[in-house]
N, C-alpha and C. Protein backbone atom coordinates (compact mmCIF):
# COMPACT_ATOMS: atom_id res chain seq x y z
N MET A 1 42.65 3.37 -15.86
CA MET A 1 41.78 3.95 -16.85
C MET A 1 40.53 4.54 -16.20
N GLY A 2 40.12 3.99 -15.09
CA GLY A 2 38.95 4.50 -14.39
C GLY A 2 39.19 5.90 -13.86
N ARG A 3 40.42 6.16 -13.39
CA ARG A 3 40.73 7.49 -12.86
C ARG A 3 40.70 8.54 -13.96
N ILE A 4 41.21 8.16 -15.12
CA ILE A 4 41.24 9.10 -16.25
C ILE A 4 39.81 9.44 -16.69
N ALA A 5 38.97 8.43 -16.75
CA ALA A 5 37.58 8.67 -17.15
C ALA A 5 36.88 9.55 -16.13
N ARG A 6 37.16 9.32 -14.87
CA ARG A 6 36.55 10.14 -13.83
C ARG A 6 37.00 11.59 -13.93
N ARG A 7 38.31 11.77 -14.17
CA ARG A 7 38.84 13.14 -14.27
C ARG A 7 38.25 13.85 -15.49
N SER A 8 38.14 13.14 -16.58
CA SER A 8 37.59 13.80 -17.77
C SER A 8 36.12 14.14 -17.55
N THR A 9 35.41 13.30 -16.85
CA THR A 9 34.00 13.59 -16.54
C THR A 9 33.91 14.81 -15.64
N GLN A 10 34.79 14.88 -14.66
CA GLN A 10 34.79 16.04 -13.78
C GLN A 10 35.13 17.32 -14.55
N MET A 11 36.06 17.23 -15.47
CA MET A 11 36.44 18.40 -16.27
C MET A 11 35.27 18.86 -17.14
N VAL A 12 34.59 17.91 -17.75
CA VAL A 12 33.44 18.26 -18.59
C VAL A 12 32.38 18.94 -17.75
N LYS A 13 32.11 18.40 -16.54
CA LYS A 13 31.11 19.01 -15.66
C LYS A 13 31.52 20.42 -15.27
N LEU A 14 32.81 20.59 -14.94
CA LEU A 14 33.30 21.92 -14.56
C LEU A 14 33.15 22.91 -15.70
N LEU A 15 33.59 22.54 -16.89
CA LEU A 15 33.48 23.42 -18.05
C LEU A 15 32.02 23.72 -18.38
N PHE A 16 31.19 22.70 -18.29
CA PHE A 16 29.77 22.85 -18.61
C PHE A 16 29.11 23.80 -17.61
N SER A 17 29.45 23.63 -16.31
CA SER A 17 28.82 24.46 -15.30
C SER A 17 29.30 25.90 -15.38
N ARG A 18 30.53 26.13 -15.82
CA ARG A 18 31.00 27.51 -16.00
C ARG A 18 30.33 28.17 -17.20
N ARG A 19 30.12 27.40 -18.22
CA ARG A 19 29.54 27.94 -19.43
C ARG A 19 28.03 28.16 -19.29
N PHE A 20 27.37 27.24 -18.55
CA PHE A 20 25.91 27.33 -18.35
C PHE A 20 25.61 27.34 -16.85
N PRO A 21 25.72 28.50 -16.19
CA PRO A 21 25.53 28.54 -14.72
C PRO A 21 24.12 28.13 -14.29
N TYR A 22 23.11 28.34 -15.12
CA TYR A 22 21.74 27.94 -14.73
C TYR A 22 21.62 26.43 -14.59
N VAL A 23 22.45 25.69 -15.35
CA VAL A 23 22.44 24.24 -15.23
C VAL A 23 22.98 23.84 -13.87
N ARG A 24 24.04 24.53 -13.44
CA ARG A 24 24.62 24.25 -12.12
C ARG A 24 23.60 24.56 -11.02
N LEU A 25 22.93 25.69 -11.15
CA LEU A 25 21.93 26.06 -10.15
C LEU A 25 20.78 25.05 -10.12
N ALA A 26 20.34 24.63 -11.29
CA ALA A 26 19.27 23.63 -11.36
C ALA A 26 19.75 22.31 -10.76
N ASP A 27 21.02 21.96 -11.03
CA ASP A 27 21.57 20.72 -10.47
C ASP A 27 21.63 20.79 -8.95
N GLU A 28 22.06 21.93 -8.42
CA GLU A 28 22.11 22.10 -6.96
C GLU A 28 20.71 22.02 -6.36
N ALA A 29 19.75 22.66 -7.02
CA ALA A 29 18.37 22.62 -6.53
C ALA A 29 17.84 21.19 -6.53
N LEU A 30 18.15 20.46 -7.60
CA LEU A 30 17.70 19.07 -7.67
C LEU A 30 18.37 18.22 -6.59
N ARG A 31 19.64 18.49 -6.34
CA ARG A 31 20.35 17.73 -5.29
C ARG A 31 19.74 18.02 -3.91
N ARG A 32 19.39 19.28 -3.67
CA ARG A 32 18.73 19.62 -2.39
C ARG A 32 17.39 18.89 -2.28
N GLN A 33 16.64 18.89 -3.37
CA GLN A 33 15.35 18.20 -3.35
C GLN A 33 15.53 16.71 -3.11
N VAL A 34 16.55 16.14 -3.74
CA VAL A 34 16.82 14.71 -3.54
C VAL A 34 17.18 14.45 -2.08
N ASP A 35 17.98 15.34 -1.47
CA ASP A 35 18.34 15.18 -0.06
C ASP A 35 17.10 15.25 0.84
N VAL A 36 16.23 16.22 0.54
CA VAL A 36 15.00 16.35 1.33
C VAL A 36 14.15 15.09 1.17
N LEU A 37 14.04 14.60 -0.06
CA LEU A 37 13.24 13.39 -0.30
C LEU A 37 13.86 12.18 0.38
N ARG A 38 15.19 12.10 0.40
CA ARG A 38 15.84 10.98 1.10
C ARG A 38 15.53 11.01 2.60
N LYS A 39 15.60 12.22 3.17
CA LYS A 39 15.29 12.36 4.60
C LYS A 39 13.84 11.97 4.86
N ASP A 40 12.93 12.45 4.02
CA ASP A 40 11.52 12.08 4.17
C ASP A 40 11.34 10.58 4.04
N ASN A 41 12.03 9.99 3.09
CA ASN A 41 11.93 8.55 2.87
C ASN A 41 12.44 7.79 4.10
N ASP A 42 13.57 8.25 4.66
CA ASP A 42 14.11 7.60 5.85
C ASP A 42 13.13 7.70 7.03
N GLU A 43 12.53 8.89 7.19
CA GLU A 43 11.56 9.06 8.27
C GLU A 43 10.35 8.15 8.07
N LEU A 44 9.88 8.08 6.83
CA LEU A 44 8.73 7.22 6.54
C LEU A 44 9.07 5.75 6.78
N ARG A 45 10.28 5.35 6.41
CA ARG A 45 10.69 3.97 6.67
C ARG A 45 10.69 3.67 8.17
N GLU A 46 11.19 4.63 8.96
CA GLU A 46 11.20 4.44 10.40
C GLU A 46 9.77 4.34 10.94
N ARG A 47 8.87 5.17 10.41
CA ARG A 47 7.48 5.12 10.85
C ARG A 47 6.83 3.80 10.46
N VAL A 48 7.17 3.30 9.27
CA VAL A 48 6.62 2.01 8.83
C VAL A 48 7.11 0.89 9.75
N VAL A 49 8.40 0.93 10.07
CA VAL A 49 8.96 -0.10 10.96
C VAL A 49 8.28 -0.03 12.33
N ALA A 50 8.08 1.19 12.85
CA ALA A 50 7.41 1.34 14.14
C ALA A 50 5.97 0.84 14.06
N ALA A 51 5.29 1.17 12.97
CA ALA A 51 3.90 0.71 12.81
C ALA A 51 3.83 -0.80 12.70
N GLN A 52 4.78 -1.40 11.99
CA GLN A 52 4.79 -2.86 11.88
C GLN A 52 5.05 -3.50 13.24
N HIS A 53 5.91 -2.89 14.03
CA HIS A 53 6.20 -3.41 15.37
C HIS A 53 4.94 -3.32 16.25
N GLU A 54 4.27 -2.16 16.19
CA GLU A 54 3.02 -2.00 16.95
C GLU A 54 1.96 -2.98 16.49
N LYS A 55 1.90 -3.22 15.19
CA LYS A 55 0.92 -4.16 14.65
C LYS A 55 1.22 -5.57 15.16
N ALA A 56 2.49 -5.94 15.18
CA ALA A 56 2.87 -7.27 15.67
C ALA A 56 2.48 -7.43 17.13
N ILE A 57 2.72 -6.39 17.91
CA ILE A 57 2.34 -6.44 19.33
C ILE A 57 0.83 -6.54 19.48
N ALA A 58 0.09 -5.76 18.70
CA ALA A 58 -1.38 -5.79 18.77
C ALA A 58 -1.91 -7.17 18.36
N LEU A 59 -1.34 -7.76 17.33
CA LEU A 59 -1.76 -9.09 16.90
C LEU A 59 -1.47 -10.13 17.97
N GLN A 60 -0.32 -9.99 18.61
CA GLN A 60 0.05 -10.92 19.68
C GLN A 60 -0.93 -10.80 20.85
N GLN A 61 -1.26 -9.56 21.22
CA GLN A 61 -2.21 -9.34 22.30
C GLN A 61 -3.59 -9.87 21.93
N ALA A 62 -3.98 -9.65 20.68
CA ALA A 62 -5.28 -10.15 20.23
C ALA A 62 -5.33 -11.67 20.30
N GLU A 63 -4.24 -12.32 19.92
CA GLU A 63 -4.19 -13.78 19.99
C GLU A 63 -4.27 -14.26 21.44
N GLN A 64 -3.57 -13.57 22.33
CA GLN A 64 -3.63 -13.93 23.75
C GLN A 64 -5.05 -13.76 24.29
N LEU A 65 -5.70 -12.67 23.90
CA LEU A 65 -7.08 -12.44 24.35
C LEU A 65 -8.02 -13.49 23.78
N ARG A 66 -7.80 -13.88 22.53
CA ARG A 66 -8.64 -14.91 21.92
C ARG A 66 -8.49 -16.23 22.67
N LYS A 67 -7.24 -16.58 23.02
CA LYS A 67 -7.00 -17.82 23.77
C LYS A 67 -7.62 -17.75 25.16
N GLU A 68 -7.51 -16.60 25.81
CA GLU A 68 -8.11 -16.43 27.14
C GLU A 68 -9.63 -16.54 27.05
N LYS A 69 -10.20 -15.96 26.02
CA LYS A 69 -11.65 -16.03 25.82
C LYS A 69 -12.08 -17.49 25.64
N GLU A 70 -11.33 -18.23 24.85
CA GLU A 70 -11.66 -19.65 24.62
C GLU A 70 -11.55 -20.44 25.93
N ARG A 71 -10.48 -20.16 26.71
CA ARG A 71 -10.34 -20.85 28.01
C ARG A 71 -11.53 -20.55 28.91
N LEU A 72 -11.93 -19.28 28.96
CA LEU A 72 -13.07 -18.90 29.80
C LEU A 72 -14.37 -19.53 29.31
N ARG A 73 -14.53 -19.60 27.98
CA ARG A 73 -15.74 -20.22 27.43
C ARG A 73 -15.81 -21.69 27.83
N LEU A 74 -14.67 -22.38 27.72
CA LEU A 74 -14.62 -23.79 28.12
C LEU A 74 -14.89 -23.96 29.61
N ARG A 75 -14.38 -23.03 30.40
CA ARG A 75 -14.60 -23.11 31.85
C ARG A 75 -16.07 -22.89 32.18
N ILE A 76 -16.70 -21.94 31.48
CA ILE A 76 -18.13 -21.69 31.71
C ILE A 76 -18.95 -22.92 31.33
N VAL A 77 -18.61 -23.54 30.21
CA VAL A 77 -19.32 -24.75 29.81
C VAL A 77 -19.18 -25.84 30.87
N ALA A 78 -17.96 -26.01 31.38
CA ALA A 78 -17.73 -27.03 32.41
C ALA A 78 -18.49 -26.69 33.69
N LEU A 79 -18.50 -25.42 34.07
CA LEU A 79 -19.24 -25.02 35.27
C LEU A 79 -20.74 -25.21 35.10
N LYS A 80 -21.25 -24.93 33.90
CA LYS A 80 -22.69 -25.15 33.64
C LYS A 80 -23.04 -26.62 33.76
N ARG A 81 -22.18 -27.46 33.18
CA ARG A 81 -22.43 -28.91 33.28
C ARG A 81 -22.40 -29.38 34.72
N ALA A 82 -21.42 -28.87 35.48
CA ALA A 82 -21.32 -29.25 36.90
C ALA A 82 -22.55 -28.77 37.66
N ALA A 83 -23.03 -27.57 37.36
CA ALA A 83 -24.22 -27.03 38.03
C ALA A 83 -25.45 -27.86 37.69
N GLU A 84 -25.58 -28.24 36.42
CA GLU A 84 -26.71 -29.08 36.02
C GLU A 84 -26.65 -30.43 36.73
N SER A 85 -25.46 -30.99 36.80
CA SER A 85 -25.29 -32.27 37.48
C SER A 85 -25.64 -32.14 38.96
N GLN A 86 -25.18 -31.09 39.60
CA GLN A 86 -25.48 -30.87 41.02
C GLN A 86 -26.97 -30.63 41.23
N HIS A 87 -27.60 -29.96 40.26
CA HIS A 87 -29.03 -29.72 40.36
C HIS A 87 -29.80 -31.05 40.30
N LYS A 88 -29.35 -31.95 39.43
CA LYS A 88 -29.99 -33.26 39.33
C LYS A 88 -29.81 -34.05 40.63
N VAL A 89 -28.60 -34.00 41.17
CA VAL A 89 -28.32 -34.71 42.43
C VAL A 89 -29.17 -34.11 43.54
N LEU A 90 -29.28 -32.79 43.57
CA LEU A 90 -30.11 -32.13 44.57
C LEU A 90 -31.56 -32.60 44.46
N GLY A 91 -32.05 -32.70 43.23
CA GLY A 91 -33.42 -33.18 43.04
C GLY A 91 -33.60 -34.60 43.56
N VAL A 92 -32.64 -35.47 43.30
CA VAL A 92 -32.70 -36.85 43.79
C VAL A 92 -32.67 -36.87 45.31
N LEU A 93 -31.77 -36.07 45.88
CA LEU A 93 -31.67 -36.04 47.35
C LEU A 93 -32.94 -35.48 47.99
N GLU A 94 -33.54 -34.47 47.37
CA GLU A 94 -34.80 -33.92 47.91
C GLU A 94 -35.90 -34.96 47.89
N SER A 95 -35.95 -35.72 46.81
CA SER A 95 -36.99 -36.76 46.75
C SER A 95 -36.72 -37.84 47.79
N LYS A 96 -35.47 -38.20 48.02
CA LYS A 96 -35.14 -39.19 49.05
C LYS A 96 -35.47 -38.66 50.44
N VAL A 97 -35.19 -37.37 50.67
CA VAL A 97 -35.53 -36.76 51.97
C VAL A 97 -37.04 -36.80 52.15
N GLN A 98 -37.77 -36.50 51.12
CA GLN A 98 -39.24 -36.52 51.21
C GLN A 98 -39.74 -37.93 51.54
N VAL A 99 -39.14 -38.93 50.89
CA VAL A 99 -39.53 -40.31 51.16
C VAL A 99 -39.22 -40.68 52.61
N LEU A 100 -38.06 -40.26 53.08
CA LEU A 100 -37.68 -40.56 54.47
C LEU A 100 -38.60 -39.83 55.46
N ARG A 101 -38.99 -38.61 55.17
CA ARG A 101 -39.92 -37.89 56.05
C ARG A 101 -41.27 -38.59 56.11
N GLU A 102 -41.74 -39.01 54.97
CA GLU A 102 -43.02 -39.72 54.94
C GLU A 102 -42.93 -41.01 55.74
N GLU A 103 -41.81 -41.71 55.57
CA GLU A 103 -41.63 -42.95 56.31
C GLU A 103 -41.52 -42.66 57.80
N ASN A 104 -40.85 -41.59 58.14
CA ASN A 104 -40.70 -41.20 59.54
C ASN A 104 -42.06 -40.86 60.14
N GLU A 105 -42.88 -40.12 59.40
CA GLU A 105 -44.22 -39.78 59.87
C GLU A 105 -45.07 -41.04 60.04
N ARG A 106 -44.96 -41.95 59.09
CA ARG A 106 -45.71 -43.18 59.16
C ARG A 106 -45.32 -43.99 60.39
N LEU A 107 -44.01 -44.03 60.63
CA LEU A 107 -43.53 -44.78 61.81
C LEU A 107 -43.92 -44.09 63.10
N SER A 108 -43.91 -42.77 63.12
CA SER A 108 -44.30 -42.09 64.36
C SER A 108 -45.80 -42.18 64.58
N ASP A 109 -46.60 -42.31 63.56
CA ASP A 109 -48.04 -42.46 63.71
C ASP A 109 -48.36 -43.83 64.29
N ARG A 110 -47.57 -44.84 64.07
CA ARG A 110 -47.79 -46.19 64.60
C ARG A 110 -47.65 -46.22 66.10
N ASP A 111 -46.73 -45.40 66.54
CA ASP A 111 -46.45 -45.47 68.00
C ASP A 111 -47.56 -44.96 68.78
């Protein structure tokens, strides 16, 4: 029954298009426009997919840079603490050296 319905539909279209040629021309024009729009749509979909891929890569790179920045910030903090600690040790050692020099001078003055 599906074949019969299809054939009758085709016959009606054929008779209609012969009787009203402007309808056929308008139908062909609309079909061409639909084809053009489909092609444009396909191109736009491809561009969207490419843009989404580039966005994913950019986000991944941004995340890597953020992690690297955090690692560097932590390293700087650790280096600052180490420098402060070394500065304190240096101050203690300088004061001990000064005490030893004074003691050395005192001992050499006795002789």
